[in-house]
Amino acid sequence: MTGPPPAVAAARVAVRADLADLPPGALVLVACSGGPDSLALAATTAFVSARAGLRAGAVVVDHGLQAGSADVARDAARACRDLGLDPVRVVAVEVGGGGGPEAAARSARYTALEAAATELGAAAVLLGHTLDDQAETVLLALARGSGARSLAGMPARRGSLRRPLLGLRREQTLAVCAALGLAPWHDPTNGGPCAPVAPAAASAQTAAAGPAQRRREVRHRVLPLLEDVLGPGVALALARTGDQLREDAEALEALAATLLAAAEAAAAETTAAGPAGADPAGAGLDVDLLAAAPAAVRRRALRLAAIGAGCPPGALHRAHVLAMDALVTAWHGQAGVDLPGRIALARACGRLTFHNPQY
């Protein structure tokens, strides 16, 4: 008796392992666009869940950004129902402009998925990102000069969201669709690379490109070139680097949270021991404790403190963090630091304190 094709078997093993911690009867939802990755995931989840005693449904998000998107969403929902998934929801979203179109679409999509999971009582929402998606994400973050958290790429799990196919290649999801007779939708914005142009023009074109086009170029031009020059395995190496950096980032962030709590407690203790009537609440951060910590931990602690004070995380850049750090390690009586969100940070009496002029 022959088994399933290798790609189908690999996908089933990945999904089965990812769902192994869920209790019988739990509902899992597949985020399905109708593309090869998510359609392969939908088919695999339908197969695995039926044998694991789980219920499986799907959510199709219509971003409304392309002509005919409602038809694409309807076809994707039909394909999911044909696979035996139930319930299947189509959710139309409005994509704002904050952070650029790609980021806005992603934010709207995740909000819709989490809302559907809450409404339906789902234990998990499965996303169809593959190892190739991970490699592209890491490479793009590297090109931007991002920190370890961005270079870590996409986590396998975050809250109710899970990515069981992060260990599979895109060619495997295509093979799953072919083996199972599925007809996926191919997003035209993920098509082949732009026509070759002169190097100088190409450089200007890339600099002016939006996130979607840059990812398209990385997918169809940059990664294949790296594979040609450096040999096979570049995508796997990039994804592996992301995994290692995620472990490091999580460890450093845990240390930073501990340092931040200690600096707040020390500042509150000093304030409480001071003049009568001093309020230890909001006493700030003890500078001596911060200064004694390694730079990587201290700067993460300062970033966490700034976000806790009301700074928008997406607007808080390294330049802001370094300016805050200078108040700890290179203070010569200079003025405070103005931060995003109309937050100000100042140093006085051995403490850093955040203020919001709005209040």
Protein backbone atom coordinates (compact mmCIF):
# COMPACT_ATOMS: atom_id res chain seq x y z
CA MET A 1 0.00 0.00 0.00
CA THR A 2 1.56 3.27 -1.12
CA GLY A 3 1.47 6.37 1.04
CA PRO A 4 0.68 9.94 0.04
CA PRO A 5 3.10 11.95 -2.12
CA PRO A 6 6.10 13.28 -0.13
CA ALA A 7 4.87 16.90 -0.06
CA VAL A 8 1.43 15.84 1.19
CA ALA A 9 2.98 13.63 3.85
CA ALA A 10 5.32 16.45 4.99
CA ALA A 11 2.44 18.91 5.28
CA ARG A 12 0.34 16.44 7.26
CA VAL A 13 3.18 15.72 9.66
CA ALA A 14 3.73 19.46 10.24
CA VAL A 15 0.07 20.24 10.86
CA ARG A 16 -0.46 17.14 13.03
CA ALA A 17 2.47 18.15 15.25
CA ASP A 18 1.23 21.72 15.53
CA LEU A 19 -2.26 20.67 16.61
CA ALA A 20 -1.17 17.91 18.99
CA ASP A 21 -1.69 20.06 22.10
CA LEU A 22 -5.36 20.83 21.38
CA PRO A 23 -8.11 18.90 23.20
CA PRO A 24 -10.60 16.77 21.27
CA GLY A 25 -13.45 18.81 19.85
CA ALA A 26 -11.46 22.04 19.69
CA LEU A 27 -12.09 24.28 16.69
CA VAL A 28 -9.21 25.40 14.48
CA LEU A 29 -9.61 27.98 11.72
CA VAL A 30 -7.50 28.24 8.58
CA ALA A 31 -6.85 31.73 7.22
CA CYS A 32 -7.34 31.00 3.54
CA SER A 33 -6.80 33.43 0.66
CA GLY A 34 -7.20 30.73 -1.97
CA GLY A 35 -3.48 30.89 -2.81
CA PRO A 36 -1.28 27.77 -2.97
CA ASP A 37 0.08 28.02 0.58
CA SER A 38 -3.21 28.60 2.39
CA LEU A 39 -5.18 26.20 0.17
CA ALA A 40 -2.63 23.45 0.82
CA LEU A 41 -2.92 24.23 4.53
CA ALA A 42 -6.72 24.10 4.35
CA ALA A 43 -6.68 20.68 2.68
CA THR A 44 -4.10 19.34 5.11
CA THR A 45 -5.96 20.68 8.14
CA ALA A 46 -9.22 19.13 6.95
CA PHE A 47 -7.50 15.74 6.68
CA VAL A 48 -5.58 15.93 9.97
CA SER A 49 -8.36 17.41 12.11
CA ALA A 50 -10.88 14.75 11.09
CA ARG A 51 -8.50 12.05 12.33
CA ALA A 52 -7.47 13.94 15.48
CA GLY A 53 -11.01 14.54 16.71
CA LEU A 54 -10.84 18.27 16.04
CA ARG A 55 -13.21 20.60 14.21
CA ALA A 56 -11.82 22.68 11.36
CA GLY A 57 -13.18 25.79 9.68
CA ALA A 58 -11.83 28.68 7.65
CA VAL A 59 -11.84 32.46 7.49
CA VAL A 60 -11.39 34.22 4.15
CA VAL A 61 -10.50 37.91 4.45
CA ASP A 62 -11.44 40.16 1.55
CA HIS A 63 -9.21 43.24 1.69
CA GLY A 64 -10.98 44.88 -1.25
CA LEU A 65 -7.67 46.11 -2.67
CA GLN A 66 -7.89 44.45 -6.09
CA ALA A 67 -10.59 44.37 -8.72
CA GLY A 68 -12.62 41.18 -8.33
CA SER A 69 -11.42 40.54 -4.77
CA ALA A 70 -14.96 39.59 -3.68
CA ASP A 71 -15.05 36.89 -6.39
CA VAL A 72 -11.66 35.57 -5.28
CA ALA A 73 -12.85 35.43 -1.67
CA ARG A 74 -16.05 33.65 -2.67
CA ASP A 75 -14.09 31.05 -4.67
CA ALA A 76 -11.69 30.49 -1.77
CA ALA A 77 -14.62 29.97 0.60
CA ARG A 78 -16.19 27.48 -1.82
CA ALA A 79 -12.92 25.57 -2.05
CA CYS A 80 -12.74 25.36 1.75
CA ARG A 81 -16.31 24.07 1.99
CA ASP A 82 -15.57 21.49 -0.70
CA LEU A 83 -12.68 20.29 1.48
CA GLY A 84 -15.14 19.73 4.34
CA LEU A 85 -14.25 22.75 6.44
CA ASP A 86 -17.09 24.16 8.53
CA PRO A 87 -17.76 26.90 9.49
CA VAL A 88 -16.37 29.02 6.67
CA ARG A 89 -16.60 32.79 7.01
CA VAL A 90 -15.86 35.50 4.46
CA VAL A 91 -14.97 38.78 6.17
CA ALA A 92 -14.66 42.04 4.23
CA VAL A 93 -12.35 44.59 5.86
CA GLU A 94 -11.50 48.22 5.32
CA VAL A 95 -7.77 48.79 4.94
CA GLY A 96 -6.56 52.08 6.36
CA GLY A 97 -3.41 53.92 5.39
CA GLY A 98 -1.43 53.81 8.60
CA GLY A 99 2.09 52.40 8.18
CA GLY A 100 1.73 51.86 4.43
CA PRO A 101 -0.67 49.64 2.46
CA GLU A 102 1.00 46.30 3.23
CA ALA A 103 1.19 46.94 6.98
CA ALA A 104 -2.37 48.31 7.01
CA ALA A 105 -3.68 45.25 5.16
CA ARG A 106 -1.85 42.93 7.54
CA SER A 107 -3.25 44.78 10.56
CA ALA A 108 -6.80 44.63 9.19
CA ARG A 109 -6.41 40.94 8.35
CA TYR A 110 -5.12 39.92 11.78
CA THR A 111 -7.81 41.96 13.52
CA ALA A 112 -10.46 40.19 11.44
CA LEU A 113 -8.95 36.76 12.12
CA GLU A 114 -8.76 37.33 15.86
CA ALA A 115 -12.33 38.64 15.94
CA ALA A 116 -13.56 35.57 14.05
CA ALA A 117 -11.67 33.27 16.41
CA THR A 118 -13.25 34.96 19.41
CA GLU A 119 -16.74 34.87 17.92
CA LEU A 120 -16.52 31.21 16.92
CA GLY A 121 -14.63 30.07 20.00
CA ALA A 122 -11.63 28.79 18.01
CA ALA A 123 -8.59 27.50 19.87
CA ALA A 124 -6.20 28.42 17.05
CA VAL A 125 -5.98 30.22 13.72
CA LEU A 126 -3.58 28.66 11.22
CA LEU A 127 -1.60 30.80 8.78
CA GLY A 128 0.01 29.42 5.63
CA HIS A 129 3.43 31.09 5.79
CA THR A 130 6.28 28.89 4.56
CA LEU A 131 10.04 28.76 5.04
CA ASP A 132 10.41 30.90 1.91
CA ASP A 133 8.20 33.60 3.43
CA GLN A 134 10.37 33.48 6.54
CA ALA A 135 13.59 33.81 4.53
CA GLU A 136 12.21 36.80 2.63
CA THR A 137 11.13 38.47 5.87
CA VAL A 138 14.57 38.02 7.46
CA LEU A 139 16.40 39.26 4.36
CA LEU A 140 14.20 42.35 4.06
CA ALA A 141 14.73 43.14 7.75
CA LEU A 142 18.48 42.72 7.30
CA ALA A 143 18.43 45.18 4.40
CA ARG A 144 16.60 47.73 6.56
CA GLY A 145 19.20 47.44 9.32
CA SER A 146 16.58 46.21 11.76
CA GLY A 147 17.26 44.87 15.23
CA ALA A 148 17.17 41.29 16.44
CA ARG A 149 13.41 41.25 17.00
CA SER A 150 12.68 42.10 13.34
CA LEU A 151 15.47 39.83 12.10
CA ALA A 152 13.86 37.01 14.06
CA GLY A 153 11.13 36.92 11.43
CA MET A 154 7.70 35.44 12.07
CA PRO A 155 7.14 33.36 15.20
CA ALA A 156 5.64 29.89 14.83
CA ARG A 157 3.04 30.94 17.41
CA ARG A 158 1.75 34.21 18.78
CA GLY A 159 -1.41 34.13 20.81
CA SER A 160 -4.00 32.14 18.89
CA LEU A 161 -2.10 32.49 15.60
CA ARG A 162 -0.03 29.52 14.45
CA ARG A 163 2.18 28.91 11.41
CA PRO A 164 2.54 25.13 11.02
CA LEU A 165 4.17 25.28 7.56
CA LEU A 166 7.21 27.38 8.46
CA GLY A 167 9.42 24.34 7.93
CA LEU A 168 8.09 23.65 4.41
CA ARG A 169 9.17 25.23 1.13
CA ARG A 170 6.78 27.02 -1.19
CA GLU A 171 7.38 24.39 -3.86
CA GLN A 172 5.99 21.82 -1.43
CA THR A 173 2.69 23.64 -1.00
CA LEU A 174 2.41 23.87 -4.79
CA ALA A 175 3.07 20.12 -4.93
CA VAL A 176 0.34 19.49 -2.33
CA CYS A 177 -2.18 21.40 -4.45
CA ALA A 178 -1.13 19.51 -7.59
CA ALA A 179 -1.29 16.12 -5.85
CA LEU A 180 -4.75 16.78 -4.43
CA GLY A 181 -6.16 18.30 -7.62
CA LEU A 182 -6.64 21.74 -6.12
CA ALA A 183 -6.69 24.85 -8.29
CA PRO A 184 -5.19 27.70 -6.24
CA TRP A 185 -5.54 31.37 -7.03
CA HIS A 186 -2.27 33.09 -7.89
CA ASP A 187 -2.06 36.65 -6.61
CA PRO A 188 -0.90 38.86 -9.51
CA THR A 189 1.06 41.05 -7.09
CA ASN A 190 3.21 37.99 -6.28
CA GLY A 191 4.02 37.29 -9.93
CA GLY A 192 7.41 37.14 -11.59
CA PRO A 193 10.06 39.83 -11.29
CA CYS A 194 9.93 43.08 -13.18
CA ALA A 195 11.62 43.19 -16.57
CA PRO A 196 15.43 43.50 -16.32
CA VAL A 197 16.71 47.07 -16.35
CA ALA A 198 20.11 48.73 -16.22
CA PRO A 199 21.79 48.46 -12.76
CA ALA A 200 21.52 52.19 -11.98
CA ALA A 201 17.87 52.29 -12.99
CA ALA A 202 17.22 49.08 -11.06
CA SER A 203 18.75 50.60 -7.93
CA ALA A 204 16.54 53.69 -8.21
CA GLN A 205 13.52 51.51 -8.95
CA THR A 206 14.12 49.37 -5.86
CA ALA A 207 14.65 52.40 -3.63
CA ALA A 208 11.30 53.84 -4.71
CA ALA A 209 9.43 50.52 -4.57
CA GLY A 210 6.79 49.79 -1.99
CA PRO A 211 7.01 46.85 0.45
CA ALA A 212 5.01 44.51 -1.81
CA GLN A 213 7.21 45.12 -4.83
CA ARG A 214 10.40 44.81 -2.78
CA ARG A 215 9.24 41.44 -1.47
CA ARG A 216 8.41 40.41 -5.03
CA GLU A 217 11.93 41.30 -6.16
CA VAL A 218 13.47 39.45 -3.21
CA ARG A 219 11.35 36.40 -4.04
CA HIS A 220 12.01 36.22 -7.76
CA ARG A 221 15.37 37.92 -8.22
CA VAL A 222 17.43 38.32 -5.05
CA LEU A 223 17.04 34.91 -3.40
CA PRO A 224 17.55 32.97 -6.66
CA LEU A 225 20.71 35.04 -7.29
CA LEU A 226 21.98 34.29 -3.78
CA GLU A 227 21.33 30.59 -4.37
CA ASP A 228 23.29 30.77 -7.64
CA VAL A 229 26.25 32.59 -6.08
CA LEU A 230 26.39 31.03 -2.61
CA GLY A 231 24.94 27.63 -3.39
CA PRO A 232 21.67 25.99 -2.37
CA GLY A 233 20.38 26.38 1.16
CA VAL A 234 20.35 30.18 1.46
CA ALA A 235 16.62 30.33 2.29
CA LEU A 236 17.03 27.59 4.89
CA ALA A 237 20.02 29.40 6.42
CA LEU A 238 18.10 32.68 6.62
CA ALA A 239 15.14 30.99 8.30
CA ARG A 240 17.48 29.21 10.73
CA THR A 241 19.15 32.53 11.55
CA GLY A 242 15.73 33.99 12.30
CA ASP A 243 14.99 31.15 14.70
CA GLN A 244 18.29 31.66 16.54
CA LEU A 245 17.81 35.42 16.78
CA ARG A 246 14.29 34.91 18.12
CA GLU A 247 15.67 32.81 20.96
CA ASP A 248 18.26 35.48 21.74
CA ALA A 249 15.73 38.31 21.53
CA GLU A 250 13.30 36.55 23.86
CA ALA A 251 16.06 35.96 26.42
CA LEU A 252 17.24 39.59 26.26
CA GLU A 253 13.69 40.90 26.53
CA ALA A 254 13.08 38.79 29.62
CA LEU A 255 16.24 40.23 31.19
CA ALA A 256 15.15 43.72 30.17
CA ALA A 257 11.75 43.29 31.82
CA THR A 258 13.46 42.15 35.03
CA LEU A 259 15.84 45.13 34.92
CA LEU A 260 12.97 47.54 34.31
CA ALA A 261 11.03 46.19 37.29
CA ALA A 262 14.12 46.48 39.51
CA ALA A 263 14.84 50.05 38.37
CA GLU A 264 11.23 51.06 39.05
CA ALA A 265 11.29 49.42 42.50
CA ALA A 266 14.60 51.08 43.43
CA ALA A 267 13.32 54.51 42.38
CA ALA A 268 10.10 54.01 44.32
CA GLU A 269 12.05 52.93 47.42
CA THR A 270 14.27 56.01 47.25
CA THR A 271 11.25 58.27 46.85
CA ALA A 272 9.43 56.66 49.77
CA ALA A 273 12.48 57.20 52.00
CA GLY A 274 12.66 60.86 51.00
CA PRO A 275 10.71 63.89 52.24
CA ALA A 276 7.35 63.23 53.85
CA GLY A 277 4.51 63.31 51.40
CA ALA A 278 6.57 62.13 48.43
CA ASP A 279 4.57 59.73 46.28
CA PRO A 280 6.56 56.65 45.18
CA ALA A 281 4.03 56.01 42.43
CA GLY A 282 5.50 57.19 39.14
CA ALA A 283 8.91 57.72 40.75
CA GLY A 284 10.62 56.73 37.51
CA LEU A 285 13.71 54.58 37.00
CA ASP A 286 16.85 54.32 39.09
CA VAL A 287 19.79 55.46 36.95
CA ASP A 288 22.49 53.56 38.85
CA LEU A 289 20.79 50.21 38.31
CA LEU A 290 20.33 50.95 34.60
CA ALA A 291 23.92 52.11 34.15
CA ALA A 292 25.29 48.89 35.65
CA ALA A 293 23.42 46.69 33.16
CA PRO A 294 24.78 45.54 29.78
CA ALA A 295 23.89 47.96 27.00
CA ALA A 296 21.73 45.45 25.11
CA VAL A 297 19.60 44.79 28.19
CA ARG A 298 19.49 48.43 29.35
CA ARG A 299 18.37 49.76 25.97
CA ARG A 300 15.64 47.18 25.71
CA ALA A 301 14.48 48.13 29.20
CA LEU A 302 14.37 51.79 28.22
CA ARG A 303 12.36 50.94 25.11
CA LEU A 304 9.89 48.91 27.19
CA ALA A 305 9.60 51.79 29.66
CA ALA A 306 8.93 54.30 26.85
CA ILE A 307 6.20 52.09 25.37
CA GLY A 308 4.69 51.67 28.81
CA ALA A 309 4.67 55.46 29.16
CA GLY A 310 2.63 55.81 25.98
CA CYS A 311 5.09 55.90 23.06
CA PRO A 312 3.73 54.16 19.94
CA PRO A 313 6.01 51.13 19.38
CA GLY A 314 6.12 51.56 15.60
CA ALA A 315 7.30 55.16 15.92
CA LEU A 316 10.00 54.46 18.50
CA HIS A 317 13.27 54.11 16.58
CA ARG A 318 16.85 53.34 17.55
CA ALA A 319 17.74 57.04 17.55
CA HIS A 320 15.18 57.58 20.30
CA VAL A 321 16.52 54.66 22.33
CA LEU A 322 20.11 55.91 22.02
CA ALA A 323 19.04 59.38 23.13
CA MET A 324 17.37 57.88 26.19
CA ASP A 325 20.45 55.77 26.86
CA ALA A 326 22.65 58.88 26.79
CA LEU A 327 20.70 60.23 29.76
CA VAL A 328 21.96 57.19 31.67
CA THR A 329 25.52 56.72 30.45
CA ALA A 330 26.58 60.14 29.13
CA TRP A 331 24.66 62.63 31.20
CA HIS A 332 26.24 66.07 31.60
CA GLY A 333 23.20 68.01 32.71
CA GLN A 334 21.65 68.00 29.25
CA ALA A 335 17.96 68.51 28.68
CA GLY A 336 15.56 65.61 28.40
CA VAL A 337 14.48 63.68 25.33
CA ASP A 338 11.31 64.25 23.33
CA LEU A 339 9.75 60.95 22.27
CA PRO A 340 6.92 59.93 19.92
CA GLY A 341 3.43 60.24 21.34
CA ARG A 342 4.27 63.58 22.97
CA ILE A 343 6.19 61.83 25.72
CA ALA A 344 9.20 63.52 27.35
CA LEU A 345 11.95 61.79 29.33
CA ALA A 346 14.08 63.74 31.84
CA ARG A 347 16.77 62.95 34.41
CA ALA A 348 16.83 64.44 37.90
CA CYS A 349 18.03 63.28 41.33
CA GLY A 350 19.39 60.01 39.98
CA ARG A 351 16.11 59.01 38.34
CA LEU A 352 14.60 59.02 34.86
CA THR A 353 10.98 60.11 34.68
CA PHE A 354 8.50 60.17 31.80
CA HIS A 355 6.03 63.01 31.37
CA ASN A 356 3.15 63.57 28.99
CA PRO A 357 2.53 67.28 28.36
CA GLN A 358 -1.01 66.41 27.22
CA TYR A 359 -2.08 65.82 30.81
